[in-house]
Amino acid sequence: MHYEIFNDKAIYAHDGVVNTDDAIKRRDSSPSDFLSDMYSIKERAKVLGGGKPHAIGFKVFPEHICRSARSRELFEEILSDTRVRKIILHRRNRLAACVSALRAS
């Protein structure tokens, strides 16, 4: 399970936080390739000490999707891909959503 791999400030993955400008620029210049690396069973197995993950996931927020045309295309593709399972959460209470976003920033 990854965390916020498309966060503006850093890449929050289960195996650590990467916040170098180079890594973020690479991610943003080719979000599709970046996501393929995150999904890579071989790479994740190395990180997990040889164990194969049963599932790989990550959080996405609206601002991650709207960052660029490439990001929008990637997320449209993911949302339409029936092989990828999604859990979509939303808060009914707009105030709670705003407070949560403020606390996270």
N, C-alpha and C. Protein backbone atom coordinates (compact mmCIF):
# COMPACT_ATOMS: atom_id res chain seq x y z
N MET A 1 0.84 -1.19 0.00
CA MET A 1 0.00 0.00 0.00
C MET A 1 0.88 1.23 0.00
N HIS A 2 0.70 2.07 -0.98
CA HIS A 2 1.36 3.36 -1.00
C HIS A 2 0.43 4.37 -0.37
N TYR A 3 0.95 5.52 -0.13
CA TYR A 3 0.14 6.58 0.47
C TYR A 3 -0.17 7.60 -0.61
N GLU A 4 0.33 8.79 -0.51
CA GLU A 4 0.07 9.81 -1.53
C GLU A 4 1.25 9.89 -2.48
N ILE A 5 1.23 9.10 -3.50
CA ILE A 5 2.36 9.10 -4.44
C ILE A 5 2.28 10.25 -5.44
N PHE A 6 1.14 10.94 -5.50
CA PHE A 6 1.00 12.09 -6.40
C PHE A 6 0.86 13.40 -5.64
N ASN A 7 1.31 13.44 -4.40
CA ASN A 7 1.28 14.65 -3.59
C ASN A 7 2.19 15.70 -4.22
N ASP A 8 1.83 16.98 -4.10
CA ASP A 8 2.63 18.06 -4.69
C ASP A 8 4.03 18.18 -4.09
N LYS A 9 4.14 17.92 -2.79
CA LYS A 9 5.40 18.18 -2.08
C LYS A 9 6.35 16.99 -2.05
N ALA A 10 5.81 15.78 -2.15
CA ALA A 10 6.65 14.59 -2.01
C ALA A 10 5.93 13.38 -2.56
N ILE A 11 6.68 12.27 -2.66
CA ILE A 11 6.11 10.98 -3.04
C ILE A 11 6.10 10.14 -1.77
N TYR A 12 4.92 9.91 -1.23
CA TYR A 12 4.77 9.15 0.01
C TYR A 12 4.44 7.71 -0.33
N ALA A 13 5.45 6.86 -0.30
CA ALA A 13 5.25 5.43 -0.59
C ALA A 13 5.44 4.65 0.70
N HIS A 14 5.02 3.40 0.71
CA HIS A 14 5.11 2.60 1.94
C HIS A 14 6.54 2.39 2.39
N ASP A 15 7.48 2.51 1.48
CA ASP A 15 8.88 2.26 1.81
C ASP A 15 9.67 3.55 2.04
N GLY A 16 8.98 4.67 2.16
CA GLY A 16 9.66 5.91 2.47
C GLY A 16 9.07 7.11 1.75
N VAL A 17 9.67 8.26 2.04
CA VAL A 17 9.23 9.52 1.46
C VAL A 17 10.34 10.04 0.57
N VAL A 18 9.98 10.40 -0.66
CA VAL A 18 10.94 10.99 -1.58
C VAL A 18 10.47 12.41 -1.86
N ASN A 19 11.32 13.38 -1.55
CA ASN A 19 10.90 14.75 -1.79
C ASN A 19 11.95 15.56 -2.56
N THR A 20 12.74 14.87 -3.37
CA THR A 20 13.72 15.58 -4.19
C THR A 20 13.03 16.16 -5.42
N ASP A 21 13.52 17.30 -5.85
CA ASP A 21 12.94 17.95 -7.03
C ASP A 21 13.02 17.06 -8.26
N ASP A 22 14.15 16.34 -8.41
CA ASP A 22 14.32 15.47 -9.59
C ASP A 22 13.25 14.38 -9.63
N ALA A 23 13.02 13.73 -8.51
CA ALA A 23 12.03 12.64 -8.46
C ALA A 23 10.64 13.16 -8.76
N ILE A 24 10.30 14.29 -8.21
CA ILE A 24 8.97 14.86 -8.42
C ILE A 24 8.81 15.31 -9.88
N LYS A 25 9.86 15.90 -10.46
CA LYS A 25 9.80 16.30 -11.87
C LYS A 25 9.64 15.09 -12.78
N ARG A 26 10.38 14.01 -12.49
CA ARG A 26 10.24 12.78 -13.30
C ARG A 26 8.83 12.23 -13.20
N ARG A 27 8.29 12.20 -11.97
CA ARG A 27 6.92 11.71 -11.78
C ARG A 27 5.94 12.54 -12.58
N ASP A 28 6.07 13.87 -12.49
CA ASP A 28 5.12 14.76 -13.14
C ASP A 28 5.28 14.81 -14.65
N SER A 29 6.50 14.56 -15.14
CA SER A 29 6.71 14.59 -16.59
C SER A 29 6.17 13.34 -17.26
N SER A 30 6.13 12.23 -16.53
CA SER A 30 5.61 10.99 -17.10
C SER A 30 4.86 10.20 -16.03
N PRO A 31 3.66 10.67 -15.66
CA PRO A 31 2.90 10.00 -14.60
C PRO A 31 2.60 8.53 -14.90
N SER A 32 2.42 8.22 -16.17
CA SER A 32 2.11 6.84 -16.54
C SER A 32 3.29 5.90 -16.26
N ASP A 33 4.50 6.33 -16.66
CA ASP A 33 5.69 5.52 -16.37
C ASP A 33 5.93 5.40 -14.87
N PHE A 34 5.73 6.50 -14.17
CA PHE A 34 5.90 6.50 -12.72
C PHE A 34 4.94 5.48 -12.07
N LEU A 35 3.69 5.51 -12.48
CA LEU A 35 2.72 4.59 -11.91
C LEU A 35 3.05 3.14 -12.26
N SER A 36 3.55 2.90 -13.44
CA SER A 36 3.99 1.55 -13.81
C SER A 36 5.08 1.06 -12.87
N ASP A 37 6.02 1.93 -12.54
CA ASP A 37 7.07 1.57 -11.58
C ASP A 37 6.47 1.25 -10.21
N MET A 38 5.48 2.02 -9.80
CA MET A 38 4.85 1.78 -8.49
C MET A 38 4.09 0.46 -8.48
N TYR A 39 3.54 0.09 -9.64
CA TYR A 39 2.80 -1.17 -9.76
C TYR A 39 3.71 -2.38 -9.99
N SER A 40 4.96 -2.13 -10.32
CA SER A 40 5.88 -3.21 -10.69
C SER A 40 6.03 -4.24 -9.58
N ILE A 41 5.61 -5.46 -9.86
CA ILE A 41 5.72 -6.54 -8.88
C ILE A 41 7.18 -6.82 -8.54
N LYS A 42 8.04 -6.79 -9.57
CA LYS A 42 9.46 -7.04 -9.34
C LYS A 42 10.07 -6.01 -8.40
N GLU A 43 9.78 -4.73 -8.68
CA GLU A 43 10.33 -3.66 -7.84
C GLU A 43 9.76 -3.71 -6.43
N ARG A 44 8.48 -3.94 -6.31
CA ARG A 44 7.86 -4.02 -4.98
C ARG A 44 8.40 -5.23 -4.22
N ALA A 45 8.62 -6.33 -4.90
CA ALA A 45 9.16 -7.54 -4.25
C ALA A 45 10.55 -7.26 -3.69
N LYS A 46 11.35 -6.51 -4.43
CA LYS A 46 12.69 -6.14 -3.93
C LYS A 46 12.56 -5.35 -2.64
N VAL A 47 11.67 -4.38 -2.65
CA VAL A 47 11.47 -3.52 -1.48
C VAL A 47 10.95 -4.34 -0.30
N LEU A 48 10.10 -5.32 -0.59
CA LEU A 48 9.52 -6.14 0.47
C LEU A 48 10.41 -7.31 0.87
N GLY A 49 11.64 -7.32 0.42
CA GLY A 49 12.57 -8.39 0.79
C GLY A 49 12.27 -9.69 0.08
N GLY A 50 11.74 -9.64 -1.12
CA GLY A 50 11.47 -10.84 -1.89
C GLY A 50 10.02 -11.27 -1.86
N GLY A 51 9.24 -10.73 -0.94
CA GLY A 51 7.82 -11.09 -0.86
C GLY A 51 7.02 -10.43 -1.95
N LYS A 52 6.08 -11.13 -2.51
CA LYS A 52 5.24 -10.59 -3.58
C LYS A 52 3.99 -9.95 -2.96
N PRO A 53 3.71 -8.68 -3.27
CA PRO A 53 2.52 -8.04 -2.70
C PRO A 53 1.24 -8.64 -3.28
N HIS A 54 0.21 -8.72 -2.45
CA HIS A 54 -1.09 -9.22 -2.91
C HIS A 54 -1.88 -8.11 -3.62
N ALA A 55 -1.62 -6.88 -3.18
CA ALA A 55 -2.32 -5.74 -3.78
C ALA A 55 -1.45 -4.50 -3.62
N ILE A 56 -1.64 -3.58 -4.53
CA ILE A 56 -0.93 -2.31 -4.47
C ILE A 56 -1.96 -1.22 -4.62
N GLY A 57 -1.91 -0.24 -3.75
CA GLY A 57 -2.88 0.84 -3.82
C GLY A 57 -2.25 2.17 -3.48
N PHE A 58 -3.01 3.23 -3.67
CA PHE A 58 -2.54 4.57 -3.34
C PHE A 58 -3.73 5.50 -3.23
N LYS A 59 -3.52 6.63 -2.54
CA LYS A 59 -4.56 7.65 -2.39
C LYS A 59 -4.44 8.66 -3.51
N VAL A 60 -5.58 9.14 -3.96
CA VAL A 60 -5.61 10.20 -4.97
C VAL A 60 -6.63 11.24 -4.52
N PHE A 61 -6.25 12.49 -4.65
CA PHE A 61 -7.14 13.59 -4.33
C PHE A 61 -7.41 14.38 -5.61
N PRO A 62 -8.50 15.14 -5.66
CA PRO A 62 -8.84 15.86 -6.90
C PRO A 62 -7.70 16.72 -7.43
N GLU A 63 -6.95 17.36 -6.54
CA GLU A 63 -5.86 18.22 -7.02
C GLU A 63 -4.74 17.42 -7.69
N HIS A 64 -4.60 16.14 -7.36
CA HIS A 64 -3.61 15.29 -8.03
C HIS A 64 -4.02 15.03 -9.47
N ILE A 65 -5.30 14.83 -9.67
CA ILE A 65 -5.83 14.51 -11.00
C ILE A 65 -5.76 15.73 -11.92
N CYS A 66 -6.02 16.89 -11.36
CA CYS A 66 -6.11 18.11 -12.17
C CYS A 66 -4.77 18.81 -12.38
N ARG A 67 -3.68 18.21 -11.94
CA ARG A 67 -2.36 18.85 -12.02
C ARG A 67 -1.96 19.17 -13.46
N SER A 68 -2.21 18.25 -14.38
CA SER A 68 -1.80 18.46 -15.78
C SER A 68 -2.68 17.61 -16.69
N ALA A 69 -2.55 17.87 -17.98
CA ALA A 69 -3.31 17.07 -18.96
C ALA A 69 -2.87 15.61 -18.89
N ARG A 70 -1.56 15.37 -18.71
CA ARG A 70 -1.07 13.99 -18.61
C ARG A 70 -1.67 13.28 -17.39
N SER A 71 -1.76 14.00 -16.28
CA SER A 71 -2.34 13.40 -15.07
C SER A 71 -3.80 13.06 -15.31
N ARG A 72 -4.54 13.99 -15.91
CA ARG A 72 -5.96 13.74 -16.19
C ARG A 72 -6.13 12.51 -17.09
N GLU A 73 -5.31 12.42 -18.12
CA GLU A 73 -5.40 11.26 -19.04
C GLU A 73 -5.11 9.96 -18.28
N LEU A 74 -4.08 9.98 -17.45
CA LEU A 74 -3.73 8.78 -16.69
C LEU A 74 -4.88 8.35 -15.79
N PHE A 75 -5.45 9.29 -15.05
CA PHE A 75 -6.51 8.92 -14.12
C PHE A 75 -7.80 8.55 -14.83
N GLU A 76 -8.07 9.15 -15.97
CA GLU A 76 -9.23 8.72 -16.77
C GLU A 76 -9.04 7.28 -17.22
N GLU A 77 -7.83 6.96 -17.62
CA GLU A 77 -7.51 5.59 -18.04
C GLU A 77 -7.68 4.60 -16.87
N ILE A 78 -7.17 4.97 -15.71
CA ILE A 78 -7.28 4.10 -14.53
C ILE A 78 -8.74 3.90 -14.15
N LEU A 79 -9.51 4.99 -14.15
CA LEU A 79 -10.91 4.88 -13.76
C LEU A 79 -11.72 4.02 -14.72
N SER A 80 -11.34 4.02 -15.99
CA SER A 80 -12.10 3.22 -16.96
C SER A 80 -11.59 1.78 -17.07
N ASP A 81 -10.43 1.49 -16.49
CA ASP A 81 -9.84 0.15 -16.56
C ASP A 81 -10.54 -0.78 -15.57
N THR A 82 -11.24 -1.77 -16.07
CA THR A 82 -11.98 -2.69 -15.20
C THR A 82 -11.08 -3.66 -14.44
N ARG A 83 -9.82 -3.77 -14.85
CA ARG A 83 -8.89 -4.64 -14.12
C ARG A 83 -8.41 -4.00 -12.82
N VAL A 84 -8.52 -2.67 -12.74
CA VAL A 84 -8.08 -1.94 -11.56
C VAL A 84 -9.28 -1.74 -10.66
N ARG A 85 -9.18 -2.23 -9.44
CA ARG A 85 -10.28 -2.06 -8.48
C ARG A 85 -10.11 -0.72 -7.78
N LYS A 86 -11.22 -0.03 -7.59
CA LYS A 86 -11.18 1.28 -6.97
C LYS A 86 -12.10 1.33 -5.76
N ILE A 87 -11.66 2.08 -4.78
CA ILE A 87 -12.50 2.42 -3.64
C ILE A 87 -12.58 3.94 -3.65
N ILE A 88 -13.74 4.47 -3.90
CA ILE A 88 -13.89 5.91 -4.00
C ILE A 88 -14.67 6.40 -2.77
N LEU A 89 -14.02 7.26 -2.02
CA LEU A 89 -14.62 7.80 -0.80
C LEU A 89 -14.89 9.28 -0.99
N HIS A 90 -15.96 9.72 -0.41
CA HIS A 90 -16.21 11.16 -0.37
C HIS A 90 -16.91 11.49 0.93
N ARG A 91 -16.71 12.69 1.38
CA ARG A 91 -17.35 13.14 2.63
C ARG A 91 -18.60 13.94 2.28
N ARG A 92 -19.65 13.62 2.95
CA ARG A 92 -20.89 14.39 2.74
C ARG A 92 -20.77 15.75 3.40
N ASN A 93 -20.06 15.78 4.52
CA ASN A 93 -19.91 17.00 5.29
C ASN A 93 -18.78 17.83 4.68
N ARG A 94 -19.13 18.89 3.98
CA ARG A 94 -18.12 19.72 3.29
C ARG A 94 -17.17 20.38 4.29
N LEU A 95 -17.70 20.78 5.44
CA LEU A 95 -16.86 21.42 6.45
C LEU A 95 -15.79 20.44 6.95
N ALA A 96 -16.19 19.19 7.21
CA ALA A 96 -15.22 18.17 7.66
C ALA A 96 -14.16 17.94 6.59
N ALA A 97 -14.55 17.96 5.33
CA ALA A 97 -13.58 17.78 4.24
C ALA A 97 -12.59 18.94 4.21
N CYS A 98 -13.07 20.16 4.38
CA CYS A 98 -12.18 21.33 4.39
C CYS A 98 -11.24 21.29 5.58
N VAL A 99 -11.76 20.96 6.76
CA VAL A 99 -10.92 20.87 7.96
C VAL A 99 -9.85 19.81 7.77
N SER A 100 -10.22 18.69 7.22
CA SER A 100 -9.26 17.60 6.98
C SER A 100 -8.16 18.06 6.02
N ALA A 101 -8.53 18.76 4.96
CA ALA A 101 -7.56 19.24 3.99
C ALA A 101 -6.62 20.27 4.63
N LEU A 102 -7.16 21.13 5.46
CA LEU A 102 -6.33 22.13 6.15
C LEU A 102 -5.35 21.47 7.12
N ARG A 103 -5.82 20.46 7.83
CA ARG A 103 -4.97 19.77 8.79
C ARG A 103 -3.84 19.02 8.06
N ALA A 104 -4.10 18.54 6.87
CA ALA A 104 -3.10 17.77 6.13
C ALA A 104 -2.04 18.68 5.50
N SER A 105 -2.39 19.95 5.29
CA SER A 105 -1.42 20.83 4.62
C SER A 105 -0.43 21.48 5.58
